[in-house]
Amino acid sequence: MGNQPTTALLPEPATREKGYTEGDSRSPTRRRSAQLFVDPELDPHPSDGAVSSLAVSANLAYVVAGEAAALRLWDLTTGVQVRSWRVGAGAGPIREVTFTADTAYILASVGSTVVRVPLKGDEGGPVVVVHRRFPITSFSLSQSMQHRTRKLVTAAYDNTVSIYDAAADCFSGHNPPPLDAKAHTQLNAAGFVVCFSPDSRYLAVGMSTGDVRAFAALTFKAISPFTPHREAVLALDIGWAGAERHMLLASGGGDNCVRVHSLMTSELMFELDGHVEPVTSVTFSSEGVYLASASRDGTIALWSTISGCQLWLFVGHCGAVNALTFVPSIEERLLSAGDDASIREWSLKTGKQKRMW
């Protein structure tokens, strides 16, 4: 894999401008687009390029990876780096990435901002769509194709959760309007990590206190509380499971434990103890048959959502594993990324690594 042309994201200021409230559309930060510059010599595998976030596009064409200083787009089939963007000095790591449902854009958290990045160069450059006062720890985009109900939720280091109405205008045009701060809702939850359910009807929030809460996405009515972790919640996912297609909520924490609850009844289904260090990522497979968990201990565990039994323990990363995502296909695969700057693909049939890039 050779070096690829690089585009760079210059960060917005990490603090709020004097005289403006958070997200105020009058703020210079809210109006200004992310700036770009070309760096043709960006190494696909820098020594300091720990990968902190990972996502696969809905059309299975691309993988996007967020690092401390770069955002990289890879061809999922060939493993070749297609494009990359350099993060400006002092912006902080890219903690979360996702694709929009139509694969037209990437959303990435860069410091205290969420940035919209077009996959096609003729669609303009990266644009800041959300700016918060403190660095963003997690965000989630509801993937509803009904633009009027699509929402973007962010959690930040001040332990607040903000929910924005993500209108269609925010995902079209070269210079879309910022998300309206007046339309956003402040959720009464000290959130550190957030995620929407696959059908976008529910929102889960993991807290630094170890508590896990869930809400109806339209009314924000709270569901019964879940069994808390003994330390901060670091990872969340909601997935379908079983022939009845009921929803499960998985959480991973600083207590090295993975807990799986029924989303609707709050019943604790499984408590999974397969890691010896904090759990950094949890994710359900597309069909809900599997749950994968990653840890700072460098391992990845694959679990059955039916029995709660551990099926495989994947070992190969040199250092913490930070991100996981399944690749839905005839032979479902699992991708992982970590502090060793690598992305690895694992076979769910053999339990072995298939490739690395």
Protein backbone atom coordinates (compact mmCIF):
# COMPACT_ATOMS: atom_id res chain seq x y z
CA MET A 1 0.00 0.00 0.00
CA GLY A 2 1.61 3.24 -1.14
CA ASN A 3 1.20 6.71 0.28
CA GLN A 4 -2.03 8.41 -0.66
CA PRO A 5 -2.93 12.07 -1.19
CA THR A 6 -4.05 13.58 2.09
CA THR A 7 -6.59 16.21 3.04
CA ALA A 8 -6.45 17.81 6.49
CA LEU A 9 -9.01 18.88 9.04
CA LEU A 10 -7.98 21.98 10.95
CA PRO A 11 -9.72 21.94 14.34
CA GLU A 12 -12.10 24.49 15.75
CA PRO A 13 -11.16 26.03 19.10
CA ALA A 14 -11.63 23.68 22.04
CA THR A 15 -13.37 26.34 24.14
CA ARG A 16 -16.52 28.33 23.61
CA GLU A 17 -16.24 31.88 22.27
CA LYS A 18 -17.04 34.61 24.77
CA GLY A 19 -20.56 35.95 24.42
CA TYR A 20 -22.07 32.88 22.76
CA THR A 21 -23.84 29.88 24.22
CA GLU A 22 -22.85 26.34 23.23
CA GLY A 23 -23.84 25.64 19.63
CA ASP A 24 -25.07 29.20 19.00
CA SER A 25 -25.44 29.61 15.23
CA ARG A 26 -24.17 33.23 15.50
CA SER A 27 -20.81 32.01 16.80
CA PRO A 28 -17.86 32.33 14.36
CA THR A 29 -16.96 28.73 15.19
CA ARG A 30 -20.43 27.54 14.15
CA ARG A 31 -20.29 29.36 10.82
CA ARG A 32 -16.78 28.44 9.74
CA SER A 33 -16.09 25.31 7.71
CA ALA A 34 -13.14 23.07 8.52
CA GLN A 35 -10.12 24.17 6.45
CA LEU A 36 -8.07 21.89 4.21
CA PHE A 37 -4.48 21.41 3.11
CA VAL A 38 -2.71 18.74 1.08
CA ASP A 39 -0.02 16.50 2.59
CA PRO A 40 1.04 13.91 0.00
CA GLU A 41 3.39 12.03 2.34
CA LEU A 42 1.04 10.70 5.03
CA ASP A 43 2.29 7.27 6.10
CA PRO A 44 -0.54 4.68 6.10
CA HIS A 45 0.96 3.12 9.26
CA PRO A 46 2.69 5.77 11.43
CA SER A 47 4.30 4.62 14.67
CA ASP A 48 2.03 6.91 16.70
CA GLY A 49 -1.14 6.11 14.78
CA ALA A 50 -3.15 4.28 17.44
CA VAL A 51 -6.62 3.64 15.96
CA SER A 52 -9.37 4.72 18.34
CA SER A 53 -12.50 4.27 16.20
CA LEU A 54 -13.71 2.18 13.27
CA ALA A 55 -16.79 1.92 11.02
CA VAL A 56 -17.89 0.05 7.88
CA SER A 57 -20.10 1.70 5.26
CA ALA A 58 -23.59 0.31 4.65
CA ASN A 59 -22.69 -0.63 1.06
CA LEU A 60 -19.68 -2.62 2.36
CA ALA A 61 -17.30 -0.65 0.14
CA TYR A 62 -15.27 1.24 2.75
CA VAL A 63 -13.76 1.18 6.22
CA VAL A 64 -13.04 4.44 8.02
CA ALA A 65 -10.59 4.64 10.91
CA GLY A 66 -10.07 7.49 13.35
CA GLU A 67 -6.66 8.11 14.92
CA ALA A 68 -4.99 10.70 17.11
CA ALA A 69 -3.87 12.78 14.13
CA ALA A 70 -5.65 11.42 11.05
CA LEU A 71 -8.85 10.10 9.53
CA ARG A 72 -8.29 7.32 6.98
CA LEU A 73 -10.56 5.72 4.40
CA TRP A 74 -9.81 2.19 3.23
CA ASP A 75 -11.20 -0.03 0.47
CA LEU A 76 -12.80 -2.93 2.35
CA THR A 77 -12.18 -5.46 -0.42
CA THR A 78 -8.52 -4.70 -1.20
CA GLY A 79 -7.36 -3.16 2.07
CA VAL A 80 -5.83 -0.24 0.16
CA GLN A 81 -5.95 3.23 1.69
CA VAL A 82 -8.19 5.34 -0.55
CA ARG A 83 -8.00 8.74 1.11
CA SER A 84 -6.87 10.41 4.33
CA TRP A 85 -7.35 13.64 6.22
CA ARG A 86 -4.83 15.16 8.62
CA VAL A 87 -6.12 16.55 11.94
CA GLY A 88 -4.65 19.91 12.93
CA ALA A 89 -2.28 20.24 15.89
CA GLY A 90 -3.93 20.28 19.30
CA ALA A 91 -7.31 19.03 18.14
CA GLY A 92 -7.17 15.75 20.06
CA PRO A 93 -7.92 12.24 18.79
CA ILE A 94 -10.85 11.24 16.61
CA ARG A 95 -12.84 9.31 19.21
CA GLU A 96 -15.83 8.29 17.08
CA VAL A 97 -16.56 7.78 13.38
CA THR A 98 -19.58 6.66 11.39
CA PHE A 99 -20.99 6.74 7.87
CA THR A 100 -24.34 8.21 6.93
CA ALA A 101 -26.82 5.59 5.74
CA ASP A 102 -26.32 6.55 2.08
CA THR A 103 -22.50 6.36 2.40
CA ALA A 104 -22.23 9.92 1.09
CA TYR A 105 -20.51 11.28 4.19
CA ILE A 106 -18.39 10.36 7.19
CA LEU A 107 -19.11 11.93 10.56
CA ALA A 108 -16.12 12.18 12.89
CA SER A 109 -15.63 13.72 16.32
CA VAL A 110 -12.54 15.94 16.28
CA GLY A 111 -11.87 17.41 19.71
CA SER A 112 -14.98 19.38 20.69
CA THR A 113 -16.58 19.20 17.22
CA VAL A 114 -18.45 16.76 15.01
CA VAL A 115 -17.29 17.16 11.42
CA ARG A 116 -19.08 16.09 8.25
CA VAL A 117 -16.63 14.76 5.64
CA PRO A 118 -17.77 14.06 2.05
CA LEU A 119 -16.44 10.91 0.39
CA LYS A 120 -16.41 12.62 -3.02
CA GLY A 121 -14.00 15.50 -3.49
CA ASP A 122 -16.45 17.47 -5.66
CA GLU A 123 -18.87 17.77 -2.70
CA GLY A 124 -16.72 20.33 -0.90
CA GLY A 125 -14.53 19.87 2.17
CA PRO A 126 -15.09 18.89 5.80
CA VAL A 127 -17.65 21.02 7.62
CA VAL A 128 -18.25 21.44 11.35
CA VAL A 129 -21.89 20.50 12.11
CA VAL A 130 -21.69 20.50 15.93
CA HIS A 131 -19.43 22.43 18.25
CA ARG A 132 -19.43 21.79 22.00
CA ARG A 133 -17.63 23.57 24.80
CA PHE A 134 -15.75 20.46 25.97
CA PRO A 135 -14.17 17.59 23.98
CA ILE A 136 -16.69 15.04 22.72
CA THR A 137 -16.31 11.56 24.18
CA SER A 138 -18.94 9.83 22.04
CA PHE A 139 -21.64 10.51 19.47
CA SER A 140 -24.28 8.52 17.62
CA LEU A 141 -26.37 9.24 14.52
CA SER A 142 -29.82 7.71 14.20
CA GLN A 143 -29.87 6.05 10.80
CA SER A 144 -33.53 6.72 10.06
CA MET A 145 -34.04 7.68 6.42
CA GLN A 146 -36.90 9.93 7.54
CA HIS A 147 -34.95 13.18 7.67
CA ARG A 148 -37.49 14.92 9.89
CA THR A 149 -36.85 12.43 12.72
CA ARG A 150 -33.11 11.91 12.27
CA LYS A 151 -31.12 12.88 15.35
CA LEU A 152 -27.50 13.28 16.36
CA VAL A 153 -26.57 12.77 20.00
CA THR A 154 -23.26 13.78 21.60
CA ALA A 155 -21.67 13.18 25.00
CA ALA A 156 -18.83 15.39 26.24
CA TYR A 157 -16.24 15.58 29.01
CA ASP A 158 -18.52 17.81 31.09
CA ASN A 159 -20.77 14.72 31.48
CA THR A 160 -23.63 16.21 29.47
CA VAL A 161 -25.63 14.63 26.64
CA SER A 162 -27.05 16.85 23.89
CA ILE A 163 -29.48 15.67 21.21
CA TYR A 164 -29.85 17.60 17.95
CA ASP A 165 -32.43 17.38 15.22
CA ALA A 166 -30.24 16.44 12.25
CA ALA A 167 -32.26 17.85 9.36
CA ALA A 168 -31.55 16.77 5.78
CA ASP A 169 -29.86 20.14 5.13
CA CYS A 170 -26.99 19.14 7.40
CA PHE A 171 -26.08 16.33 5.00
CA SER A 172 -26.31 18.12 1.67
CA GLY A 173 -24.60 21.03 -0.05
CA HIS A 174 -21.07 22.41 0.23
CA ASN A 175 -21.81 24.68 3.19
CA PRO A 176 -24.79 23.31 5.12
CA PRO A 177 -26.27 25.24 8.04
CA PRO A 178 -25.08 24.13 11.48
CA LEU A 179 -27.40 22.08 13.64
CA ASP A 180 -29.72 24.49 15.41
CA ALA A 181 -28.79 24.85 19.08
CA LYS A 182 -32.34 25.98 19.89
CA ALA A 183 -33.68 22.65 18.62
CA HIS A 184 -31.37 20.54 20.74
CA THR A 185 -32.37 18.76 23.94
CA GLN A 186 -30.20 18.46 27.01
CA LEU A 187 -30.70 14.98 28.43
CA ASN A 188 -30.74 14.59 32.20
CA ALA A 189 -27.96 12.00 32.25
CA ALA A 190 -24.26 12.30 33.03
CA GLY A 191 -23.28 10.53 29.81
CA PHE A 192 -19.84 9.39 28.72
CA VAL A 193 -20.81 7.05 25.85
CA VAL A 194 -24.01 6.97 23.76
CA CYS A 195 -25.64 4.83 21.05
CA PHE A 196 -28.91 4.48 19.16
CA SER A 197 -30.71 1.18 18.61
CA PRO A 198 -30.64 -0.25 15.05
CA ASP A 199 -34.18 1.02 14.41
CA SER A 200 -33.33 4.44 15.92
CA ARG A 201 -36.23 4.17 18.38
CA TYR A 202 -34.10 3.98 21.52
CA LEU A 203 -31.06 5.75 22.90
CA ALA A 204 -28.67 4.23 25.45
CA VAL A 205 -26.35 6.26 27.68
CA GLY A 206 -23.39 4.93 29.65
CA MET A 207 -22.13 7.05 32.51
CA SER A 208 -18.84 7.70 34.23
CA THR A 209 -20.54 6.57 37.45
CA GLY A 210 -21.04 3.07 36.00
CA ASP A 211 -24.79 3.51 35.48
CA VAL A 212 -26.51 2.58 32.21
CA ARG A 213 -29.76 4.20 31.13
CA ALA A 214 -31.99 3.97 28.06
CA PHE A 215 -34.59 6.35 26.66
CA ALA A 216 -37.26 6.41 23.97
CA ALA A 217 -35.63 8.49 21.22
CA LEU A 218 -38.71 10.58 20.40
CA THR A 219 -40.07 11.30 23.88
CA PHE A 220 -36.87 10.81 25.96
CA LYS A 221 -38.93 8.79 28.44
CA ALA A 222 -36.57 6.67 30.54
CA ILE A 223 -36.71 2.88 30.56
CA SER A 224 -36.20 1.03 33.86
CA PRO A 225 -32.59 1.26 35.12
CA PHE A 226 -30.05 -1.45 34.36
CA THR A 227 -27.54 -3.23 36.60
CA PRO A 228 -24.69 -0.71 37.01
CA HIS A 229 -21.00 -1.35 36.46
CA ARG A 230 -18.60 -0.90 39.36
CA GLU A 231 -16.59 1.62 37.32
CA ALA A 232 -17.18 3.93 34.34
CA VAL A 233 -19.05 2.61 31.31
CA LEU A 234 -16.70 2.76 28.30
CA ALA A 235 -18.67 0.91 25.60
CA LEU A 236 -22.30 0.40 24.54
CA ASP A 237 -24.25 -1.27 21.74
CA ILE A 238 -27.84 -2.28 21.06
CA GLY A 239 -28.63 -5.21 18.78
CA TRP A 240 -31.31 -7.67 17.72
CA ALA A 241 -31.14 -11.21 19.10
CA GLY A 242 -33.03 -14.48 18.93
CA ALA A 243 -35.78 -15.68 16.63
CA GLU A 244 -38.17 -13.21 18.26
CA ARG A 245 -35.83 -10.37 17.31
CA HIS A 246 -35.89 -8.80 20.77
CA MET A 247 -33.39 -6.07 21.56
CA LEU A 248 -30.37 -6.54 23.80
CA LEU A 249 -28.24 -3.82 25.35
CA ALA A 250 -24.55 -4.63 25.88
CA SER A 251 -22.27 -2.52 28.03
CA GLY A 252 -18.57 -2.74 28.86
CA GLY A 253 -16.83 -0.97 31.68
CA GLY A 254 -13.70 -0.16 33.58
CA ASP A 255 -14.53 -3.11 35.84
CA ASN A 256 -13.40 -5.48 33.02
CA CYS A 257 -16.95 -6.80 32.71
CA VAL A 258 -19.50 -7.05 29.87
CA ARG A 259 -23.16 -7.01 30.83
CA VAL A 260 -26.03 -7.90 28.51
CA HIS A 261 -29.58 -6.78 29.38
CA SER A 262 -32.95 -7.04 27.72
CA LEU A 263 -33.55 -3.49 26.51
CA MET A 264 -37.30 -3.53 27.15
CA THR A 265 -37.44 -5.35 30.49
CA SER A 266 -34.01 -4.36 31.90
CA GLU A 267 -33.46 -8.01 32.88
CA LEU A 268 -29.79 -8.95 33.20
CA MET A 269 -29.31 -11.78 30.67
CA PHE A 270 -25.55 -12.36 30.93
CA GLU A 271 -22.55 -11.11 32.86
CA LEU A 272 -19.48 -11.93 30.79
CA ASP A 273 -16.08 -12.09 32.49
CA GLY A 274 -13.54 -12.74 29.74
CA HIS A 275 -11.17 -9.79 30.09
CA VAL A 276 -8.57 -8.78 32.68
CA GLU A 277 -8.49 -5.07 31.84
CA PRO A 278 -11.18 -2.46 31.00
CA VAL A 279 -13.57 -3.24 28.14
CA THR A 280 -13.20 -0.63 25.39
CA SER A 281 -15.70 -1.76 22.73
CA VAL A 282 -18.77 -3.98 22.37
CA THR A 283 -20.72 -4.68 19.18
CA PHE A 284 -23.48 -7.02 17.99
CA SER A 285 -23.39 -8.83 14.65
CA SER A 286 -26.01 -7.82 12.07
CA GLU A 287 -28.14 -10.92 12.69
CA GLY A 288 -27.73 -10.72 16.46
CA VAL A 289 -26.10 -14.14 16.72
CA TYR A 290 -22.81 -12.83 18.10
CA LEU A 291 -21.54 -10.21 20.49
CA ALA A 292 -17.89 -9.16 20.36
CA SER A 293 -15.99 -7.34 23.09
CA ALA A 294 -12.53 -5.75 23.09
CA SER A 295 -10.26 -4.79 25.94
CA ARG A 296 -7.13 -2.92 26.88
CA ASP A 297 -5.65 -6.35 27.63
CA GLY A 298 -5.19 -6.78 23.84
CA THR A 299 -7.83 -9.49 23.41
CA ILE A 300 -11.17 -9.75 21.60
CA ALA A 301 -13.86 -12.13 22.84
CA LEU A 302 -16.68 -13.52 20.69
CA TRP A 303 -19.82 -14.50 22.58
CA SER A 304 -23.07 -16.29 21.75
CA THR A 305 -26.09 -14.06 22.39
CA ILE A 306 -28.19 -17.20 22.92
CA SER A 307 -26.12 -18.98 25.57
CA GLY A 308 -23.70 -16.31 26.74
CA CYS A 309 -20.82 -18.73 26.11
CA GLN A 310 -17.47 -17.54 24.80
CA LEU A 311 -16.91 -18.94 21.31
CA TRP A 312 -13.47 -17.51 20.47
CA LEU A 313 -10.77 -15.39 22.03
CA PHE A 314 -8.90 -13.52 19.29
CA VAL A 315 -5.29 -12.65 20.13
CA GLY A 316 -2.88 -10.75 17.89
CA HIS A 317 -2.90 -7.04 18.66
CA CYS A 318 0.19 -5.62 20.37
CA GLY A 319 -1.47 -3.40 22.94
CA ALA A 320 -5.00 -2.26 23.70
CA VAL A 321 -7.83 -3.00 21.27
CA ASN A 322 -9.98 0.13 20.96
CA ALA A 323 -12.61 -0.50 18.28
CA LEU A 324 -14.67 -3.32 16.75
CA THR A 325 -17.15 -3.62 13.91
CA PHE A 326 -18.76 -6.59 12.16
CA VAL A 327 -18.85 -6.87 8.37
CA PRO A 328 -22.23 -8.36 7.40
CA SER A 329 -21.82 -10.84 4.54
CA ILE A 330 -22.35 -14.50 3.67
CA GLU A 331 -19.34 -15.28 5.83
CA GLU A 332 -19.62 -12.66 8.56
CA ARG A 333 -16.32 -11.14 9.59
CA LEU A 334 -15.08 -9.02 12.47
CA LEU A 335 -12.73 -6.04 12.17
CA SER A 336 -10.67 -4.71 15.07
CA ALA A 337 -8.28 -1.81 15.58
CA GLY A 338 -5.97 -0.77 18.38
CA ASP A 339 -2.95 0.99 19.78
CA ASP A 340 -0.61 -0.91 17.43
CA ALA A 341 -1.95 1.18 14.47
CA SER A 342 -3.31 -1.92 12.73
CA ILE A 343 -6.73 -2.98 11.46
CA ARG A 344 -7.24 -6.74 11.60
CA GLU A 345 -9.87 -9.02 10.10
CA TRP A 346 -10.95 -12.18 11.92
CA SER A 347 -12.82 -15.27 10.75
CA LEU A 348 -15.77 -16.23 12.94
CA LYS A 349 -15.57 -19.82 11.64
CA THR A 350 -11.93 -20.56 12.44
CA GLY A 351 -11.16 -18.00 15.13
CA LYS A 352 -8.03 -16.99 13.21
CA GLN A 353 -6.81 -13.72 11.75
CA LYS A 354 -7.48 -13.49 8.01
CA ARG A 355 -5.54 -10.33 7.16
CA MET A 356 -4.13 -7.12 8.56
CA TRP A 357 -3.71 -3.61 7.15
